[in-house]
Structures are given as structure tokens and as C-alpha cells.
N, C-alpha and C. Protein backbone atom coordinates (compact mmCIF):
# COMPACT_ATOMS: atom_id res chain seq x y z
N MET A 1 -18.84 -1.11 4.19
CA MET A 1 -19.73 -0.01 3.95
C MET A 1 -20.64 -0.36 2.76
N ARG A 2 -21.93 -0.21 2.96
CA ARG A 2 -22.89 -0.51 1.89
C ARG A 2 -23.10 0.71 1.02
N ARG A 3 -23.13 0.45 -0.28
CA ARG A 3 -23.43 1.53 -1.22
C ARG A 3 -24.92 1.61 -1.42
N LYS A 4 -25.37 2.81 -1.52
CA LYS A 4 -26.79 3.03 -1.79
C LYS A 4 -27.03 2.78 -3.27
N SER A 5 -27.93 1.89 -3.59
CA SER A 5 -28.22 1.63 -5.00
C SER A 5 -29.34 2.55 -5.47
N ALA A 6 -29.25 2.90 -6.74
CA ALA A 6 -30.29 3.76 -7.33
C ALA A 6 -31.58 2.96 -7.40
N LYS A 7 -32.66 3.60 -7.04
CA LYS A 7 -33.97 2.96 -7.09
C LYS A 7 -34.47 2.92 -8.52
N ILE A 8 -34.88 1.74 -8.97
CA ILE A 8 -35.42 1.61 -10.31
C ILE A 8 -36.92 1.86 -10.24
N PRO A 9 -37.41 2.83 -11.03
CA PRO A 9 -38.84 3.14 -10.98
C PRO A 9 -39.70 1.96 -11.44
N LYS A 10 -40.83 1.80 -10.79
CA LYS A 10 -41.78 0.76 -11.19
C LYS A 10 -42.68 1.31 -12.29
N ALA A 11 -42.84 0.51 -13.35
CA ALA A 11 -43.66 0.94 -14.49
C ALA A 11 -45.14 0.99 -14.11
N LYS A 12 -45.79 2.05 -14.48
CA LYS A 12 -47.22 2.25 -14.22
C LYS A 12 -48.08 1.46 -15.21
N PHE A 13 -47.59 1.33 -16.46
CA PHE A 13 -48.32 0.64 -17.52
C PHE A 13 -47.68 -0.70 -17.81
N LYS A 14 -48.44 -1.60 -18.42
CA LYS A 14 -47.98 -2.98 -18.66
C LYS A 14 -47.93 -3.30 -20.15
N ILE A 15 -47.12 -4.30 -20.48
CA ILE A 15 -47.05 -4.78 -21.85
C ILE A 15 -48.44 -5.27 -22.25
N GLY A 16 -48.88 -4.86 -23.43
CA GLY A 16 -50.21 -5.22 -23.93
C GLY A 16 -51.26 -4.15 -23.67
N GLN A 17 -50.96 -3.21 -22.78
CA GLN A 17 -51.93 -2.16 -22.46
C GLN A 17 -51.98 -1.14 -23.59
N ILE A 18 -53.19 -0.64 -23.89
CA ILE A 18 -53.37 0.39 -24.90
C ILE A 18 -53.35 1.74 -24.19
N VAL A 19 -52.51 2.63 -24.70
CA VAL A 19 -52.32 3.95 -24.09
C VAL A 19 -52.41 5.03 -25.16
N LYS A 20 -52.52 6.27 -24.72
CA LYS A 20 -52.51 7.41 -25.64
C LYS A 20 -51.55 8.45 -25.10
N HIS A 21 -51.05 9.27 -26.00
CA HIS A 21 -50.15 10.35 -25.61
C HIS A 21 -50.97 11.48 -25.02
N ARG A 22 -50.46 12.10 -23.99
CA ARG A 22 -51.23 13.15 -23.32
C ARG A 22 -51.25 14.46 -24.09
N ILE A 23 -50.30 14.67 -25.00
CA ILE A 23 -50.24 15.92 -25.77
C ILE A 23 -50.54 15.68 -27.25
N HIS A 24 -49.82 14.74 -27.84
CA HIS A 24 -49.94 14.49 -29.28
C HIS A 24 -51.07 13.49 -29.57
N SER A 25 -51.61 13.57 -30.77
CA SER A 25 -52.76 12.75 -31.15
C SER A 25 -52.32 11.38 -31.67
N PHE A 26 -51.82 10.53 -30.78
CA PHE A 26 -51.56 9.16 -31.16
C PHE A 26 -51.78 8.24 -29.98
N ARG A 27 -51.98 6.98 -30.31
CA ARG A 27 -52.21 5.95 -29.31
C ARG A 27 -51.47 4.70 -29.75
N GLY A 28 -51.38 3.72 -28.87
CA GLY A 28 -50.70 2.50 -29.26
C GLY A 28 -50.74 1.45 -28.17
N VAL A 29 -50.17 0.30 -28.48
CA VAL A 29 -50.10 -0.79 -27.52
C VAL A 29 -48.63 -0.95 -27.11
N ILE A 30 -48.40 -1.12 -25.82
CA ILE A 30 -47.05 -1.25 -25.27
C ILE A 30 -46.52 -2.64 -25.57
N PHE A 31 -45.29 -2.71 -26.17
CA PHE A 31 -44.68 -4.01 -26.42
C PHE A 31 -43.36 -4.19 -25.70
N ASP A 32 -42.84 -3.14 -25.06
CA ASP A 32 -41.63 -3.26 -24.26
C ASP A 32 -41.54 -2.06 -23.33
N VAL A 33 -40.79 -2.23 -22.23
CA VAL A 33 -40.64 -1.16 -21.25
C VAL A 33 -39.17 -1.09 -20.83
N ASP A 34 -38.63 0.12 -20.80
CA ASP A 34 -37.31 0.38 -20.23
C ASP A 34 -37.54 1.03 -18.87
N PRO A 35 -36.89 0.55 -17.80
CA PRO A 35 -37.13 1.13 -16.47
C PRO A 35 -36.72 2.61 -16.38
N VAL A 36 -35.74 3.01 -17.19
CA VAL A 36 -35.32 4.41 -17.32
C VAL A 36 -34.98 4.65 -18.78
N PHE A 37 -34.74 5.89 -19.15
CA PHE A 37 -34.42 6.25 -20.52
C PHE A 37 -33.29 5.39 -21.06
N ALA A 38 -33.48 4.83 -22.27
CA ALA A 38 -32.47 3.96 -22.88
C ALA A 38 -32.36 4.20 -24.38
N ASN A 39 -32.60 5.42 -24.81
CA ASN A 39 -32.46 5.78 -26.21
C ASN A 39 -31.20 6.64 -26.35
N THR A 40 -30.97 7.19 -27.52
CA THR A 40 -29.76 7.99 -27.72
C THR A 40 -29.90 9.40 -27.16
N GLU A 41 -28.78 9.98 -26.84
CA GLU A 41 -28.76 11.37 -26.38
C GLU A 41 -29.28 12.29 -27.49
N GLU A 42 -28.94 11.98 -28.72
CA GLU A 42 -29.40 12.76 -29.87
C GLU A 42 -30.94 12.78 -29.92
N TRP A 43 -31.56 11.62 -29.71
CA TRP A 43 -33.02 11.53 -29.71
C TRP A 43 -33.59 12.41 -28.61
N TRP A 44 -33.03 12.31 -27.42
CA TRP A 44 -33.53 13.07 -26.26
C TRP A 44 -33.38 14.57 -26.50
N LEU A 45 -32.23 14.99 -27.03
CA LEU A 45 -31.98 16.41 -27.28
C LEU A 45 -32.83 16.97 -28.42
N SER A 46 -33.37 16.09 -29.27
CA SER A 46 -34.22 16.56 -30.37
C SER A 46 -35.59 17.04 -29.88
N ILE A 47 -35.93 16.71 -28.65
CA ILE A 47 -37.20 17.15 -28.05
C ILE A 47 -37.01 18.57 -27.55
N PRO A 48 -37.92 19.49 -27.86
CA PRO A 48 -37.77 20.86 -27.36
C PRO A 48 -37.58 20.87 -25.84
N GLU A 49 -36.65 21.68 -25.39
CA GLU A 49 -36.26 21.69 -23.97
C GLU A 49 -37.44 21.87 -23.02
N ASP A 50 -38.39 22.71 -23.39
CA ASP A 50 -39.54 22.96 -22.51
C ASP A 50 -40.50 21.77 -22.45
N ARG A 51 -40.33 20.77 -23.33
CA ARG A 51 -41.18 19.57 -23.33
C ARG A 51 -40.37 18.30 -23.07
N ARG A 52 -39.09 18.43 -22.87
CA ARG A 52 -38.20 17.28 -22.70
C ARG A 52 -38.51 16.56 -21.39
N PRO A 53 -38.85 15.25 -21.48
CA PRO A 53 -39.17 14.51 -20.26
C PRO A 53 -37.92 14.14 -19.46
N ARG A 54 -38.12 13.84 -18.21
CA ARG A 54 -37.03 13.37 -17.35
C ARG A 54 -36.55 12.01 -17.83
N LYS A 55 -35.31 11.69 -17.58
CA LYS A 55 -34.75 10.40 -17.98
C LYS A 55 -34.97 9.32 -16.91
N ASP A 56 -35.24 9.72 -15.69
CA ASP A 56 -35.32 8.79 -14.56
C ASP A 56 -36.73 8.23 -14.34
N GLN A 57 -37.37 7.84 -15.40
CA GLN A 57 -38.72 7.27 -15.33
C GLN A 57 -38.83 6.18 -16.39
N PRO A 58 -39.82 5.31 -16.29
CA PRO A 58 -39.99 4.29 -17.34
C PRO A 58 -40.29 4.93 -18.70
N TYR A 59 -39.78 4.28 -19.74
CA TYR A 59 -40.04 4.64 -21.13
C TYR A 59 -40.64 3.43 -21.82
N TYR A 60 -41.62 3.66 -22.67
CA TYR A 60 -42.40 2.60 -23.28
C TYR A 60 -42.22 2.57 -24.79
N HIS A 61 -42.09 1.36 -25.32
CA HIS A 61 -42.04 1.13 -26.76
C HIS A 61 -43.46 0.80 -27.19
N LEU A 62 -43.99 1.55 -28.14
CA LEU A 62 -45.38 1.37 -28.58
C LEU A 62 -45.47 1.01 -30.05
N LEU A 63 -46.41 0.13 -30.36
CA LEU A 63 -46.87 -0.02 -31.73
C LEU A 63 -47.93 1.07 -31.84
N ALA A 64 -47.55 2.18 -32.45
CA ALA A 64 -48.37 3.39 -32.39
C ALA A 64 -49.11 3.66 -33.70
N GLU A 65 -50.13 4.50 -33.58
CA GLU A 65 -50.90 4.93 -34.74
C GLU A 65 -51.46 6.32 -34.49
N ASN A 66 -51.60 7.05 -35.59
CA ASN A 66 -52.35 8.30 -35.55
C ASN A 66 -53.37 8.22 -36.68
N SER A 67 -53.98 9.31 -37.03
CA SER A 67 -55.03 9.25 -38.05
C SER A 67 -54.48 8.93 -39.44
N GLU A 68 -53.17 9.08 -39.64
CA GLU A 68 -52.58 8.90 -40.96
C GLU A 68 -51.75 7.64 -41.14
N THR A 69 -51.08 7.16 -40.10
CA THR A 69 -50.12 6.08 -40.29
C THR A 69 -49.88 5.28 -39.01
N GLU A 70 -49.11 4.20 -39.14
CA GLU A 70 -48.69 3.39 -38.00
C GLU A 70 -47.17 3.44 -37.93
N TYR A 71 -46.63 3.35 -36.73
CA TYR A 71 -45.19 3.46 -36.53
C TYR A 71 -44.82 2.96 -35.14
N ILE A 72 -43.52 2.96 -34.84
CA ILE A 72 -43.02 2.61 -33.51
C ILE A 72 -42.73 3.92 -32.78
N ALA A 73 -43.17 4.02 -31.53
CA ALA A 73 -42.93 5.23 -30.73
C ALA A 73 -42.22 4.85 -29.43
N TYR A 74 -41.45 5.77 -28.91
CA TYR A 74 -40.75 5.62 -27.63
C TYR A 74 -41.19 6.79 -26.77
N VAL A 75 -41.91 6.51 -25.68
CA VAL A 75 -42.60 7.57 -24.94
C VAL A 75 -42.35 7.43 -23.44
N SER A 76 -42.12 8.57 -22.79
CA SER A 76 -41.93 8.60 -21.34
C SER A 76 -43.26 8.35 -20.63
N GLU A 77 -43.17 7.79 -19.44
CA GLU A 77 -44.38 7.50 -18.67
C GLU A 77 -45.20 8.76 -18.41
N GLN A 78 -44.53 9.89 -18.14
CA GLN A 78 -45.26 11.13 -17.82
C GLN A 78 -46.14 11.60 -18.98
N ASN A 79 -45.87 11.13 -20.19
CA ASN A 79 -46.63 11.56 -21.36
C ASN A 79 -47.69 10.56 -21.81
N LEU A 80 -47.93 9.53 -21.03
CA LEU A 80 -48.93 8.53 -21.41
C LEU A 80 -50.12 8.54 -20.46
N ARG A 81 -51.25 8.18 -21.02
CA ARG A 81 -52.50 8.02 -20.27
C ARG A 81 -53.16 6.74 -20.78
N PRO A 82 -53.96 6.07 -19.96
CA PRO A 82 -54.69 4.89 -20.46
C PRO A 82 -55.64 5.32 -21.58
N ASP A 83 -55.78 4.47 -22.59
CA ASP A 83 -56.74 4.73 -23.67
C ASP A 83 -58.05 4.08 -23.26
N GLU A 84 -59.09 4.86 -23.18
CA GLU A 84 -60.39 4.39 -22.70
C GLU A 84 -61.37 4.09 -23.82
N THR A 85 -60.94 4.18 -25.08
CA THR A 85 -61.87 4.03 -26.20
C THR A 85 -62.38 2.59 -26.37
N GLY A 86 -61.56 1.62 -26.00
CA GLY A 86 -61.94 0.23 -26.22
C GLY A 86 -61.69 -0.24 -27.64
N ASN A 87 -61.16 0.62 -28.48
CA ASN A 87 -60.90 0.28 -29.88
C ASN A 87 -59.58 -0.48 -30.02
N PRO A 88 -59.51 -1.44 -30.94
CA PRO A 88 -58.25 -2.15 -31.17
C PRO A 88 -57.23 -1.22 -31.84
N VAL A 89 -55.96 -1.60 -31.74
CA VAL A 89 -54.89 -0.87 -32.41
C VAL A 89 -54.70 -1.51 -33.79
N ARG A 90 -54.64 -0.71 -34.84
CA ARG A 90 -54.58 -1.25 -36.20
C ARG A 90 -53.16 -1.52 -36.70
N HIS A 91 -52.15 -1.24 -35.89
CA HIS A 91 -50.75 -1.42 -36.32
C HIS A 91 -50.56 -2.85 -36.83
N PRO A 92 -49.93 -3.04 -38.00
CA PRO A 92 -49.81 -4.39 -38.60
C PRO A 92 -49.01 -5.39 -37.76
N GLN A 93 -48.15 -4.94 -36.87
CA GLN A 93 -47.36 -5.86 -36.06
C GLN A 93 -48.08 -6.37 -34.81
N VAL A 94 -49.25 -5.84 -34.52
CA VAL A 94 -49.99 -6.28 -33.33
C VAL A 94 -50.19 -7.80 -33.35
N LYS A 95 -50.59 -8.34 -34.51
CA LYS A 95 -50.86 -9.78 -34.61
C LYS A 95 -49.61 -10.63 -34.44
N GLU A 96 -48.43 -10.06 -34.72
CA GLU A 96 -47.18 -10.79 -34.53
C GLU A 96 -46.80 -10.91 -33.06
N LEU A 97 -47.09 -9.87 -32.28
CA LEU A 97 -46.64 -9.83 -30.89
C LEU A 97 -47.70 -10.20 -29.86
N PHE A 98 -48.97 -10.10 -30.24
CA PHE A 98 -50.05 -10.32 -29.29
C PHE A 98 -51.07 -11.30 -29.85
N SER A 99 -51.70 -12.06 -28.93
CA SER A 99 -52.65 -13.06 -29.38
C SER A 99 -54.07 -12.52 -29.42
N LYS A 100 -54.59 -12.07 -28.33
CA LYS A 100 -55.98 -11.58 -28.32
C LYS A 100 -56.11 -10.39 -27.40
N ARG A 101 -57.23 -9.73 -27.51
CA ARG A 101 -57.48 -8.54 -26.72
C ARG A 101 -58.68 -8.78 -25.81
N SER A 102 -58.51 -8.40 -24.55
CA SER A 102 -59.65 -8.47 -23.63
C SER A 102 -59.48 -7.38 -22.58
N ARG A 103 -60.58 -6.80 -22.19
CA ARG A 103 -60.60 -5.73 -21.19
C ARG A 103 -59.62 -4.60 -21.51
N GLY A 104 -59.53 -4.21 -22.77
CA GLY A 104 -58.71 -3.07 -23.16
C GLY A 104 -57.22 -3.34 -23.24
N ALA A 105 -56.80 -4.59 -23.18
CA ALA A 105 -55.37 -4.91 -23.28
C ALA A 105 -55.18 -6.14 -24.15
N TYR A 106 -53.99 -6.24 -24.72
CA TYR A 106 -53.63 -7.40 -25.53
C TYR A 106 -52.82 -8.37 -24.68
N GLN A 107 -52.90 -9.64 -25.01
CA GLN A 107 -52.08 -10.65 -24.34
C GLN A 107 -50.89 -10.96 -25.22
N ALA A 108 -49.70 -10.87 -24.64
CA ALA A 108 -48.47 -11.10 -25.41
C ALA A 108 -48.35 -12.56 -25.81
N ARG A 109 -47.86 -12.76 -27.01
CA ARG A 109 -47.55 -14.12 -27.47
C ARG A 109 -46.21 -14.49 -26.85
N PHE A 110 -46.08 -15.72 -26.41
CA PHE A 110 -44.80 -16.19 -25.90
C PHE A 110 -44.12 -16.97 -26.99
N LEU A 111 -43.02 -16.43 -27.47
CA LEU A 111 -42.29 -17.08 -28.56
C LEU A 111 -41.37 -18.14 -28.00
N GLN A 112 -41.37 -19.29 -28.59
CA GLN A 112 -40.50 -20.37 -28.16
C GLN A 112 -39.27 -20.38 -29.05
N LEU A 113 -38.11 -20.44 -28.41
CA LEU A 113 -36.86 -20.52 -29.14
C LEU A 113 -36.48 -21.98 -29.28
N HIS A 114 -36.07 -22.39 -30.46
CA HIS A 114 -35.72 -23.79 -30.70
C HIS A 114 -34.23 -23.96 -30.73
């Protein structure tokens, strides 16, 4: 008897893509993707229930920025939109993880392990 495996959602956005939050005023560049929620239950429960995203969707790690500061953000796919400004992301870690920007996205650096 074959077991039905859970379908892993396909990510809509890609590493290096610049995105913005659909509600909050911040944007960032994606540096990692989890196919489904992979943070703590405490983090998830800290989001107001009426705004709490589903866990069964991709979640993105962003080098994020708002008008005041830069930080790391963890955001559900349902809360992201492509950033159409064409502006670079000023987060200081961008240069560590990405080489150059073209057509609104950054190209990831490939780190070699010795």
C-alpha cells in the first residue's frame, strides 16, 4: 500500500529577488527559502491571530530594511509582493551573500568550502 506524501509547495519567489511586504513598510532581498514554516511556535503565536499566516506555504528569509534600520526578516509567501522600485537593498550583508544586481535581482555568491 502506497502512502500519500504531503505535497511540498513550490516557492513563488527566488533567492536574490527583491520583495516587499504587502502590509508593513519594509522590503528586502531573499537569501533563503523554507518550503513550509520552519520557525518556532512561539514566533508564530506572537503574530496576532487575525493576521497569522498559514504554515503550509513557503517562508522566506530576507535581508530586510525599512526607513530606519536593516535587519533579518522571516516572511510568509502570502505577505510578499515583488518590489518594482529597481532600487538596491542597503542591508550591509548584501555584499557578503550576493555578487551583483541585474534586472531587479541579486546573483548569489557561491561559497567554496575548503
